């Protein structure tokens, strides 16, 4: 049985999300394909030719988007134009930011142009001269050695030094790809270049190591590093996602939400006989984990329970195929170093100790993935969270995946944690503590991620913050901080959970709380509209101006 498009019920009018105009949908798909092609053509961020090509395309595409004249009565087409302009403008800003960040460490990369010129010559299919290339590689070795000799006198911050180390790694990988392309296929190239290449690759690797030694943290264990982006970059990113608040206001919101969580946590603690000592109550809940080998069955039970809760209350459409096709995988010990809890989507990736872990690591993984913590996350990762999102994104307006934002992706899943709480999903004090632990965690993410990127908190202070304010196991807190600042996620990703969730909650109040939409119609409409900043979801569903500022927390 297929999934039918659910109409959005509005008191004053009958608003249905009609199919997107072919012209605009096609244009968005073309832009997405063009951007993907440029990223594949020019994967090296440090390539001046690549940045120039991308910038030229973006300016042309933005000028073209400005000429689009969708029907004023077609809300879908208006949304697509607004989203396309927003996306292209944001990417132009990112290119400008990339140039600035590269310029800040240029003194540590005097050999950069030598490597990027080789990369660009390959990507533009210019003939290669083995002897000339060998001389270039020999020069590169000297340039890297000279740079290494001046590290001690470099006037840069530790984080910029580590950024230069990352760029050096990128350049080395680019050089390796350049060499592999020709080696063995051009006999003269290999005869001339093999030894100079090996020397150059070694020099770059040693220089990267020297930078990390000079500017990296010291002490036992794997270092947690990151590159704070600063206040201006944070505000630019917030504006690109149509968040009208500055970092200080977001921290105020986080502390307010945390205070509510703490109050509720103490209520649950008192019910369990621990009074206001909520950390003791949390310790009690952490011990309520299943035995080794039983976690997969627990996850299945929790997934079935969440789906049944949704269906019984008719909260959102759950297509039978979405219910059938979610899968499960077990997370490796290595992956748990950066993702100590579950990951989700079509497959939920389960964190649980393995027999290869040390005793302390096993205990922390058991405690951090106990029954009640898991009950609060399975629905976040599967249904109605990320699995249902991805299922619907692939079937409704998939061209809008270009406009993906963590405020929509993670905000939706966090919103459901809030909504399920309001609807009585937690049955026991232990259930409530499990849900509150995660909600406190999302509040803490706002404060520590902004603190780090503003230069106000170190990575070690972020770890301690999670241990003291949320009750994390220390190893899990370290993994969380490493995940947050390791480069896999943009600076706003961690705060987008709670802030996006609050946006959806505010929109729910505006449309469902006022009686303009039914609960199910609202949820289905959000999923079927596709990915976009939540402010654009509001403009689309509630009939607001797409250019209007939405102060959702005022």
Protein backbone atom coordinates (compact mmCIF):
# COMPACT_ATOMS: atom_id res chain seq x y z
CA UNK A 1 0.00 0.00 0.00
CA UNK A 2 1.47 3.37 -1.03
CA UNK A 3 1.75 6.51 1.07
CA UNK A 4 -0.78 9.16 0.16
CA UNK A 5 -0.04 12.86 0.41
CA UNK A 6 -1.75 14.16 3.54
CA UNK A 7 -3.44 17.55 3.18
CA UNK A 8 -2.50 20.35 5.52
CA UNK A 9 -5.72 21.46 7.19
CA UNK A 10 -5.95 25.18 7.79
CA UNK A 11 -9.02 26.78 9.30
CA UNK A 12 -9.13 29.74 6.94
CA UNK A 13 -8.29 27.80 3.78
CA UNK A 14 -7.57 24.34 2.45
CA UNK A 15 -3.78 24.31 1.95
CA UNK A 16 -2.34 21.23 0.29
CA UNK A 17 1.32 20.71 -0.51
CA UNK A 18 1.00 20.45 -4.26
CA UNK A 19 3.74 18.92 -6.43
CA UNK A 20 6.62 21.32 -6.95
CA UNK A 21 6.61 23.21 -10.27
CA UNK A 22 8.66 21.12 -12.74
CA UNK A 23 10.75 24.12 -13.74
CA UNK A 24 11.91 24.99 -10.23
CA UNK A 25 12.32 21.38 -9.08
CA UNK A 26 14.36 20.65 -12.16
CA UNK A 27 16.46 23.77 -11.62
CA UNK A 28 17.24 22.78 -8.02
CA UNK A 29 18.22 19.29 -9.18
CA UNK A 30 20.47 20.78 -11.84
CA UNK A 31 22.19 23.02 -9.30
CA UNK A 32 22.69 20.06 -6.95
CA UNK A 33 24.21 18.03 -9.78
CA UNK A 34 26.41 20.94 -10.85
CA UNK A 35 27.71 21.47 -7.33
CA UNK A 36 28.40 17.77 -6.94
CA UNK A 37 30.31 17.73 -10.22
CA UNK A 38 32.44 20.70 -9.15
CA UNK A 39 33.18 19.10 -5.77
CA UNK A 40 34.33 15.93 -7.50
CA UNK A 41 36.38 17.84 -10.04
CA UNK A 42 38.06 20.02 -7.41
CA UNK A 43 38.15 18.05 -4.13
CA UNK A 44 41.19 19.88 -2.72
CA UNK A 45 39.95 22.84 -0.68
CA UNK A 46 43.34 24.55 -0.99
CA UNK A 47 43.19 24.63 -4.81
CA UNK A 48 42.87 28.28 -5.95
CA UNK A 49 41.59 27.11 -9.32
CA UNK A 50 38.94 24.97 -7.65
CA UNK A 51 37.71 27.76 -5.37
CA UNK A 52 37.61 30.17 -8.30
CA UNK A 53 35.62 27.74 -10.43
CA UNK A 54 33.10 27.10 -7.66
CA UNK A 55 32.75 30.80 -6.88
CA UNK A 56 32.18 31.66 -10.55
CA UNK A 57 29.48 29.03 -10.82
CA UNK A 58 27.75 30.10 -7.59
CA UNK A 59 27.61 33.76 -8.63
CA UNK A 60 26.13 32.80 -12.00
CA UNK A 61 23.61 30.43 -10.44
CA UNK A 62 22.59 33.05 -7.86
CA UNK A 63 22.07 35.65 -10.59
CA UNK A 64 19.94 33.12 -12.46
CA UNK A 65 17.91 32.37 -9.31
CA UNK A 66 17.16 36.06 -8.88
CA UNK A 67 15.45 36.06 -12.28
CA UNK A 68 13.01 33.29 -11.33
CA UNK A 69 9.44 34.55 -11.14
CA UNK A 70 7.27 31.87 -9.52
CA UNK A 71 3.51 32.32 -9.39
CA UNK A 72 2.74 34.52 -6.34
CA UNK A 73 -0.02 32.07 -5.38
CA UNK A 74 2.27 29.03 -5.55
CA UNK A 75 3.76 28.63 -2.09
CA UNK A 76 5.83 25.63 -3.10
CA UNK A 77 7.54 27.51 -5.91
CA UNK A 78 8.13 30.52 -3.70
CA UNK A 79 9.74 28.24 -1.09
CA UNK A 80 12.02 26.71 -3.70
CA UNK A 81 13.22 30.10 -4.91
CA UNK A 82 13.87 31.29 -1.35
CA UNK A 83 15.70 28.08 -0.50
CA UNK A 84 17.82 28.15 -3.65
CA UNK A 85 18.89 31.75 -3.07
CA UNK A 86 19.68 30.98 0.56
CA UNK A 87 21.76 27.90 -0.30
CA UNK A 88 23.79 29.61 -3.02
CA UNK A 89 24.46 32.65 -0.86
CA UNK A 90 25.55 30.44 2.03
CA UNK A 91 28.00 28.57 -0.19
CA UNK A 92 29.51 31.82 -1.42
CA UNK A 93 30.02 32.86 2.20
CA UNK A 94 31.69 29.53 2.92
CA UNK A 95 34.16 30.07 0.08
CA UNK A 96 35.05 33.50 1.42
CA UNK A 97 35.48 31.98 4.87
CA UNK A 98 37.70 29.21 3.45
CA UNK A 99 39.99 31.79 1.85
CA UNK A 100 40.24 33.70 5.12
CA UNK A 101 41.06 30.57 7.11
CA UNK A 102 43.73 29.56 4.60
CA UNK A 103 45.30 33.03 4.64
CA UNK A 104 45.55 32.86 8.44
CA UNK A 105 48.00 29.95 8.19
CA UNK A 106 49.72 30.80 4.88
CA UNK A 107 53.04 31.43 6.63
CA UNK A 108 53.11 27.78 7.73
CA UNK A 109 52.40 26.49 4.21
CA UNK A 110 54.99 28.10 1.90
CA UNK A 111 54.95 24.94 -0.23
CA UNK A 112 51.21 25.01 -0.83
CA UNK A 113 51.35 26.44 -4.37
CA UNK A 114 53.85 23.81 -5.48
CA UNK A 115 51.44 20.98 -4.59
CA UNK A 116 48.25 22.68 -5.77
CA UNK A 117 49.87 23.45 -9.13
CA UNK A 118 50.55 19.72 -9.62
CA UNK A 119 46.98 18.86 -8.59
CA UNK A 120 45.51 21.43 -10.97
CA UNK A 121 47.71 20.36 -13.90
CA UNK A 122 46.41 16.80 -13.50
CA UNK A 123 42.77 17.90 -13.26
CA UNK A 124 43.16 20.06 -16.35
CA UNK A 125 44.80 17.14 -18.22
CA UNK A 126 48.02 18.94 -19.04
CA UNK A 127 50.91 16.81 -20.37
CA UNK A 128 53.34 15.66 -17.70
CA UNK A 129 57.11 15.92 -18.07
CA UNK A 130 58.88 13.34 -15.89
CA UNK A 131 62.15 15.19 -15.52
CA UNK A 132 60.49 18.56 -14.83
CA UNK A 133 58.17 16.91 -12.31
CA UNK A 134 61.14 15.35 -10.52
CA UNK A 135 62.74 18.77 -10.22
CA UNK A 136 59.48 20.18 -8.86
CA UNK A 137 59.35 17.41 -6.25
CA UNK A 138 62.96 18.05 -5.30
CA UNK A 139 62.13 21.74 -4.82
CA UNK A 140 59.09 20.75 -2.74
CA UNK A 141 61.29 18.77 -0.35
CA UNK A 142 63.46 21.83 0.20
CA UNK A 143 60.42 24.05 0.74
CA UNK A 144 58.99 21.70 3.36
CA UNK A 145 62.32 21.41 5.16
CA UNK A 146 62.64 25.18 5.26
CA UNK A 147 59.12 25.47 6.68
CA UNK A 148 59.89 22.88 9.32
CA UNK A 149 62.98 24.79 10.39
CA UNK A 150 60.91 27.91 11.08
CA UNK A 151 58.13 26.28 13.13
CA UNK A 152 59.51 27.50 16.45
CA UNK A 153 59.39 31.13 15.34
CA UNK A 154 55.89 30.92 13.84
CA UNK A 155 53.55 33.53 15.33
CA UNK A 156 50.26 31.60 15.22
CA UNK A 157 47.87 30.25 17.80
CA UNK A 158 47.92 26.51 18.60
CA UNK A 159 44.60 25.99 16.83
CA UNK A 160 45.90 27.63 13.66
CA UNK A 161 48.98 25.48 13.89
CA UNK A 162 46.78 22.39 14.02
CA UNK A 163 44.73 23.74 11.12
CA UNK A 164 47.96 23.97 9.11
CA UNK A 165 48.66 20.36 10.04
CA UNK A 166 45.29 19.36 8.61
CA UNK A 167 45.95 21.28 5.41
CA UNK A 168 49.36 19.61 5.16
CA UNK A 169 47.68 16.21 5.36
CA UNK A 170 45.30 17.25 2.56
CA UNK A 171 48.22 18.35 0.40
CA UNK A 172 50.07 15.09 1.02
CA UNK A 173 47.03 13.03 0.01
CA UNK A 174 46.64 15.17 -3.10
CA UNK A 175 50.29 14.61 -4.00
CA UNK A 176 49.89 10.87 -3.50
CA UNK A 177 46.88 10.82 -5.83
CA UNK A 178 48.80 12.79 -8.45
CA UNK A 179 51.71 10.34 -8.31
CA UNK A 180 49.48 7.23 -8.49
CA UNK A 181 47.78 8.56 -11.61
CA UNK A 182 50.99 8.51 -13.64
CA UNK A 183 53.15 5.89 -11.91
CA UNK A 184 53.37 2.69 -13.93
CA UNK A 185 51.43 4.12 -16.85
CA UNK A 186 54.18 6.49 -17.96
CA UNK A 187 57.55 4.67 -17.77
CA UNK A 188 59.57 7.87 -17.99
CA UNK A 189 57.54 9.47 -15.20
CA UNK A 190 58.22 6.65 -12.75
CA UNK A 191 61.92 6.51 -13.67
CA UNK A 192 62.33 10.21 -12.84
CA UNK A 193 59.81 10.75 -10.06
CA UNK A 194 59.58 7.71 -7.80
CA UNK A 195 62.39 8.58 -5.41
CA UNK A 196 61.73 12.36 -5.34
CA UNK A 197 58.06 11.61 -4.67
CA UNK A 198 58.89 9.32 -1.76
CA UNK A 199 61.11 12.02 -0.29
CA UNK A 200 58.41 14.68 -0.72
CA UNK A 201 55.64 12.54 0.79
CA UNK A 202 57.89 11.70 3.74
CA UNK A 203 58.80 15.37 4.23
CA UNK A 204 55.12 16.36 4.25
CA UNK A 205 54.21 13.59 6.70
CA UNK A 206 57.05 14.56 9.03
CA UNK A 207 56.10 18.23 8.81
CA UNK A 208 52.50 17.42 9.70
CA UNK A 209 53.73 15.41 12.70
CA UNK A 210 56.01 18.28 13.74
CA UNK A 211 53.09 20.73 13.62
CA UNK A 212 50.91 18.45 15.71
CA UNK A 213 53.71 17.98 18.22
CA UNK A 214 54.39 21.70 18.42
CA UNK A 215 50.80 22.92 18.63
CA UNK A 216 48.86 19.90 19.86
CA UNK A 217 47.84 19.12 23.45
CA UNK A 218 50.11 17.10 25.69
CA UNK A 219 49.29 14.45 28.26
CA UNK A 220 48.11 10.86 28.40
CA UNK A 221 45.60 9.39 25.99
CA UNK A 222 44.53 10.40 22.51
CA UNK A 223 44.40 14.20 22.27
CA UNK A 224 41.10 15.96 21.62
CA UNK A 225 41.66 18.73 19.15
CA UNK A 226 39.46 21.14 17.26
CA UNK A 227 39.53 24.45 15.44
CA UNK A 228 37.30 27.17 16.96
CA UNK A 229 35.68 29.20 14.19
CA UNK A 230 35.06 32.39 16.18
CA UNK A 231 32.06 34.62 16.79
CA UNK A 232 31.74 36.09 13.29
CA UNK A 233 31.62 32.67 11.66
CA UNK A 234 29.04 31.46 14.20
CA UNK A 235 26.77 34.42 13.51
CA UNK A 236 27.15 33.95 9.74
CA UNK A 237 26.16 30.31 10.09
CA UNK A 238 23.19 31.14 12.32
CA UNK A 239 21.92 33.72 9.82
CA UNK A 240 22.31 31.19 6.99
CA UNK A 241 19.97 28.85 8.90
CA UNK A 242 17.62 31.78 9.61
CA UNK A 243 18.27 31.72 13.36
CA UNK A 244 17.81 35.36 14.50
CA UNK A 245 19.68 35.02 17.81
CA UNK A 246 23.31 35.58 18.75
CA UNK A 247 25.39 33.00 20.67
CA UNK A 248 24.75 34.66 24.02
CA UNK A 249 20.98 34.39 23.57
CA UNK A 250 21.31 30.72 22.63
CA UNK A 251 23.27 30.07 25.81
CA UNK A 252 20.46 31.74 27.79
CA UNK A 253 17.97 29.41 26.11
CA UNK A 254 20.16 26.41 26.91
CA UNK A 255 20.39 27.35 30.58
CA UNK A 256 16.64 27.89 30.83
CA UNK A 257 15.91 24.51 29.30
CA UNK A 258 18.53 22.88 31.50
CA UNK A 259 16.90 24.38 34.62
CA UNK A 260 13.58 22.79 33.60
CA UNK A 261 15.32 19.44 33.07
CA UNK A 262 17.05 19.67 36.45
CA UNK A 263 13.76 20.39 38.20
CA UNK A 264 12.09 17.39 36.55
CA UNK A 265 15.13 15.22 37.24
CA UNK A 266 14.90 16.02 40.95
CA UNK A 267 11.18 15.11 40.95
CA UNK A 268 11.97 11.71 39.44
CA UNK A 269 14.88 11.29 41.85
CA UNK A 270 12.59 11.94 44.82
CA UNK A 271 10.11 9.33 43.56
CA UNK A 272 12.92 6.78 43.61
CA UNK A 273 13.88 7.69 47.17
CA UNK A 274 17.03 9.71 46.39
CA UNK A 275 15.63 13.15 47.24
CA UNK A 276 17.31 15.96 45.32
CA UNK A 277 20.43 13.87 44.74
CA UNK A 278 19.66 13.31 41.08
CA UNK A 279 23.17 12.05 40.33
CA UNK A 280 22.53 9.11 42.67
CA UNK A 281 19.24 8.47 40.89
CA UNK A 282 21.08 8.63 37.58
CA UNK A 283 23.62 6.14 38.91
CA UNK A 284 20.75 3.80 39.78
CA UNK A 285 19.41 4.03 36.22
CA UNK A 286 22.83 3.44 34.67
CA UNK A 287 23.00 0.05 36.38
CA UNK A 288 19.76 -1.08 34.73
CA UNK A 289 21.39 -2.43 31.58
CA UNK A 290 20.79 -5.76 29.88
CA UNK A 291 23.30 -8.59 29.93
CA UNK A 292 25.89 -8.97 27.15
CA UNK A 293 24.25 -10.33 24.03
CA UNK A 294 20.75 -9.07 24.89
CA UNK A 295 20.96 -5.50 23.55
CA UNK A 296 19.66 -6.27 20.01
CA UNK A 297 16.47 -7.78 21.39
CA UNK A 298 16.00 -4.77 23.68
CA UNK A 299 16.37 -2.40 20.72
CA UNK A 300 13.77 -4.33 18.74
CA UNK A 301 11.33 -4.20 21.67
CA UNK A 302 11.85 -0.46 22.12
CA UNK A 303 11.36 0.23 18.40
CA UNK A 304 8.10 -1.75 18.34
CA UNK A 305 6.91 0.05 21.48
CA UNK A 306 7.53 3.51 19.99
CA UNK A 307 5.78 2.67 16.71
CA UNK A 308 2.77 1.27 18.58
CA UNK A 309 2.56 4.46 20.67
CA UNK A 310 2.45 6.60 17.51
CA UNK A 311 -0.15 4.44 15.81
CA UNK A 312 -2.45 4.22 18.81
CA UNK A 313 -2.62 8.02 18.97
CA UNK A 314 -2.61 8.57 15.19
CA UNK A 315 0.27 11.04 15.48
CA UNK A 316 2.03 10.55 12.15
CA UNK A 317 1.76 8.33 9.09
CA UNK A 318 4.02 5.29 9.44
CA UNK A 319 4.15 3.59 6.02
CA UNK A 320 4.22 -0.22 6.35
CA UNK A 321 7.42 -0.39 4.31
CA UNK A 322 9.12 2.12 6.62
CA UNK A 323 8.12 -0.03 9.58
CA UNK A 324 9.41 -3.18 7.86
CA UNK A 325 12.72 -2.02 6.39
CA UNK A 326 14.66 -0.53 9.28
CA UNK A 327 17.79 -2.52 10.10
CA UNK A 328 20.30 -2.92 12.89
CA UNK A 329 24.11 -3.04 13.05
CA UNK A 330 26.54 -3.25 15.96
CA UNK A 331 29.10 -0.48 16.41
CA UNK A 332 32.79 -1.33 16.46
CA UNK A 333 34.93 -0.50 19.51
CA UNK A 334 36.89 1.97 17.35
CA UNK A 335 33.76 3.81 16.28
CA UNK A 336 32.58 4.00 19.90
CA UNK A 337 35.62 6.17 20.65
CA UNK A 338 33.85 9.00 18.81
CA UNK A 339 30.21 7.79 18.89
CA UNK A 340 29.62 6.18 22.29
CA UNK A 341 25.85 6.04 21.80
CA UNK A 342 23.50 5.02 19.02
CA UNK A 343 23.49 6.32 15.45
CA UNK A 344 20.44 6.05 13.26
CA UNK A 345 18.74 6.17 9.90
CA UNK A 346 17.59 3.21 7.86
CA UNK A 347 19.92 1.19 10.08
CA UNK A 348 20.26 1.85 13.80
CA UNK A 349 23.90 1.39 14.81
CA UNK A 350 23.98 0.04 18.34
CA UNK A 351 26.71 0.97 20.81
CA UNK A 352 27.41 -1.83 23.28
CA UNK A 353 30.61 -3.33 24.73
CA UNK A 354 32.45 -6.09 22.89
CA UNK A 355 34.66 -8.82 24.31
CA UNK A 356 37.71 -7.02 22.92
CA UNK A 357 37.23 -3.99 25.20
CA UNK A 358 39.03 -3.52 28.47
CA UNK A 359 37.07 -4.00 31.69
CA UNK A 360 36.55 -0.30 32.43
CA UNK A 361 35.54 0.42 28.82
CA UNK A 362 32.98 -2.40 28.98
CA UNK A 363 31.43 -1.03 32.15
CA UNK A 364 31.19 2.52 30.81
CA UNK A 365 29.58 1.33 27.58
CA UNK A 366 27.07 -0.80 29.52
CA UNK A 367 26.20 2.09 31.82
CA UNK A 368 26.01 4.65 29.01
CA UNK A 369 23.69 2.45 26.94
CA UNK A 370 21.40 1.17 29.69
CA UNK A 371 17.76 0.23 29.18
CA UNK A 372 16.28 3.63 29.98
CA UNK A 373 18.84 5.70 28.08
CA UNK A 374 18.21 3.42 25.10
CA UNK A 375 14.45 3.80 25.40
CA UNK A 376 14.91 7.53 24.98
CA UNK A 377 17.08 7.18 21.88
CA UNK A 378 15.65 4.34 19.79
CA UNK A 379 12.64 6.42 18.71
CA UNK A 380 15.04 9.33 18.01
CA UNK A 381 17.07 7.18 15.63
CA UNK A 382 14.26 5.17 14.00
CA UNK A 383 10.55 6.05 14.02
CA UNK A 384 9.41 8.83 14.25
CA UNK A 385 13.00 10.11 14.06
CA UNK A 386 15.76 9.67 11.51
CA UNK A 387 14.61 6.48 9.77
CA UNK A 388 11.16 7.91 9.08
CA UNK A 389 12.75 11.20 7.98
CA UNK A 390 15.03 9.49 5.49
CA UNK A 391 12.26 7.25 4.23
CA UNK A 392 10.05 10.24 3.46
CA UNK A 393 12.92 12.39 2.11
CA UNK A 394 13.58 9.73 -0.52
CA UNK A 395 9.94 9.74 -1.63
CA UNK A 396 8.73 13.33 -1.27
CA UNK A 397 10.60 16.26 -2.79
CA UNK A 398 14.01 14.54 -2.75
CA UNK A 399 15.42 17.48 -4.73
CA UNK A 400 15.20 19.50 -1.50
CA UNK A 401 17.94 17.39 0.05
CA UNK A 402 20.23 20.11 -1.31
CA UNK A 403 18.84 22.36 1.44
CA UNK A 404 19.65 19.96 4.28
CA UNK A 405 20.30 21.51 7.69
CA UNK A 406 20.86 19.91 11.11
CA UNK A 407 18.15 22.18 12.55
CA UNK A 408 15.66 20.18 10.44
CA UNK A 409 17.34 16.76 10.72
CA UNK A 410 18.25 16.72 14.40
CA UNK A 411 15.64 19.26 15.44
CA UNK A 412 12.86 16.96 14.22
CA UNK A 413 14.17 13.99 16.22
CA UNK A 414 14.66 16.11 19.34
CA UNK A 415 11.21 17.65 18.92
CA UNK A 416 9.75 14.15 19.14
CA UNK A 417 11.55 13.53 22.41
CA UNK A 418 9.75 16.62 23.72
CA UNK A 419 6.40 15.66 22.19
CA UNK A 420 6.53 12.10 23.48
CA UNK A 421 7.31 13.42 26.96
CA UNK A 422 4.26 15.68 26.80
CA UNK A 423 2.10 12.75 25.68
CA UNK A 424 3.15 10.49 28.56
CA UNK A 425 5.56 8.18 26.76
CA UNK A 426 7.80 7.71 29.84
CA UNK A 427 6.03 5.25 32.15
CA UNK A 428 8.28 5.21 35.20
CA UNK A 429 10.65 7.55 37.04
CA UNK A 430 13.52 5.59 35.47
CA UNK A 431 12.05 6.26 32.00
CA UNK A 432 11.79 9.95 32.79
CA UNK A 433 15.39 10.06 34.00
CA UNK A 434 16.48 8.38 30.77
CA UNK A 435 14.71 10.98 28.66
CA UNK A 436 15.87 13.85 30.86
CA UNK A 437 19.49 12.73 30.65
CA UNK A 438 19.42 13.20 26.89
CA UNK A 439 17.53 16.48 27.09
CA UNK A 440 20.09 17.83 29.55
CA UNK A 441 22.79 16.57 27.20
CA UNK A 442 21.32 18.61 24.32
CA UNK A 443 21.20 21.72 26.53
CA UNK A 444 24.83 21.15 27.47
CA UNK A 445 25.77 20.77 23.80
CA UNK A 446 24.64 24.32 23.12
CA UNK A 447 26.71 25.74 25.94
CA UNK A 448 29.92 23.77 25.47
CA UNK A 449 29.98 23.90 21.66
CA UNK A 450 29.46 27.66 21.59
CA UNK A 451 31.93 28.07 24.44
CA UNK A 452 34.54 26.15 22.49
CA UNK A 453 34.01 27.95 19.19
CA UNK A 454 34.04 31.33 20.94
CA UNK A 455 37.37 30.43 22.52
CA UNK A 456 35.92 30.46 26.03
CA UNK A 457 36.22 26.72 26.81
CA UNK A 458 38.95 24.19 26.07
CA UNK A 459 38.18 20.65 24.94
CA UNK A 460 39.13 19.39 28.42
CA UNK A 461 36.73 21.87 30.04
CA UNK A 462 33.99 20.66 27.69
CA UNK A 463 34.56 17.09 28.88
CA UNK A 464 34.39 18.15 32.52
CA UNK A 465 31.23 20.16 31.81
CA UNK A 466 29.47 17.04 30.47
CA UNK A 467 30.60 14.94 33.42
CA UNK A 468 29.45 17.45 36.05
CA UNK A 469 26.34 18.96 34.45
CA UNK A 470 24.88 15.89 32.71
CA UNK A 471 26.38 12.93 34.55
CA UNK A 472 28.23 11.40 31.61
CA UNK A 473 30.71 8.60 32.02
CA UNK A 474 34.09 10.27 31.48
CA UNK A 475 35.08 8.13 28.50
CA UNK A 476 31.72 8.82 26.90
CA UNK A 477 32.11 12.55 27.53
CA UNK A 478 35.53 12.47 25.88
CA UNK A 479 34.07 10.64 22.88
CA UNK A 480 31.26 13.18 22.64
CA UNK A 481 33.68 16.12 22.64
CA UNK A 482 35.98 14.40 20.16
CA UNK A 483 32.98 13.82 17.89
CA UNK A 484 31.84 17.41 18.22
CA UNK A 485 35.14 19.04 17.25
CA UNK A 486 36.87 16.38 15.16
CA UNK A 487 35.85 17.85 11.83
CA UNK A 488 32.97 15.56 10.89
CA UNK A 489 30.33 18.11 11.85
CA UNK A 490 29.91 21.84 11.19
CA UNK A 491 30.13 24.19 14.20
CA UNK A 492 26.37 24.54 14.71
CA UNK A 493 25.55 20.85 14.46
CA UNK A 494 25.53 20.03 18.17
CA UNK A 495 23.40 23.00 19.19
CA UNK A 496 20.96 22.33 16.32
CA UNK A 497 19.33 19.45 18.23
CA UNK A 498 17.77 21.55 20.95
CA UNK A 499 17.34 24.76 18.96
CA UNK A 500 15.75 22.95 16.03
CA UNK A 501 13.54 21.03 18.45
CA UNK A 502 12.38 24.29 20.03
CA UNK A 503 11.63 25.67 16.55
CA UNK A 504 9.42 22.69 15.73
CA UNK A 505 7.74 22.91 19.13
CA UNK A 506 6.98 26.58 18.56
CA UNK A 507 5.57 25.80 15.11
CA UNK A 508 3.47 22.98 16.57
CA UNK A 509 1.99 25.43 19.07
CA UNK A 510 1.27 27.95 16.31
CA UNK A 511 -0.47 25.52 13.98
CA UNK A 512 -1.73 22.59 16.06
CA UNK A 513 -2.22 24.37 19.36
CA UNK A 514 -4.37 26.97 17.62
CA UNK A 515 -6.50 24.32 15.91
CA UNK A 516 -5.38 25.29 12.42
CA UNK A 517 -3.95 21.83 11.78
CA UNK A 518 -4.42 18.35 13.18
CA UNK A 519 -1.50 16.66 14.91
CA UNK A 520 -1.07 14.07 12.18
CA UNK A 521 -1.49 16.56 9.33
CA UNK A 522 1.23 18.76 10.83
CA UNK A 523 3.73 15.95 11.24
CA UNK A 524 3.06 14.50 7.79
CA UNK A 525 3.30 17.92 6.17
CA UNK A 526 6.72 18.57 7.69
CA UNK A 527 8.05 15.22 6.48
CA UNK A 528 6.57 15.53 3.01
CA UNK A 529 7.75 19.10 2.50
CA UNK A 530 11.38 17.97 2.50
CA UNK A 531 14.53 19.28 4.13
CA UNK A 532 14.94 23.01 4.74
CA UNK A 533 15.50 25.55 7.53
CA UNK A 534 12.58 25.34 9.96
CA UNK A 535 11.75 29.01 9.38
CA UNK A 536 10.98 28.15 5.75
CA UNK A 537 8.82 25.21 6.88
CA UNK A 538 6.83 27.74 8.92
CA UNK A 539 6.50 30.17 6.03
CA UNK A 540 5.35 27.36 3.75
CA UNK A 541 2.79 25.82 6.09
CA UNK A 542 1.51 28.90 7.88
CA UNK A 543 1.41 31.28 4.92
CA UNK A 544 4.04 33.72 6.22
CA UNK A 545 6.39 35.84 4.12
CA UNK A 546 9.48 33.84 3.20
CA UNK A 547 11.67 36.85 3.96
CA UNK A 548 10.17 37.52 7.40
CA UNK A 549 12.32 36.99 10.52
CA UNK A 550 10.97 34.38 12.91
CA UNK A 551 11.86 34.96 16.55
CA UNK A 552 10.58 31.58 17.67
CA UNK A 553 11.70 31.91 21.29
CA UNK A 554 10.55 35.44 22.11
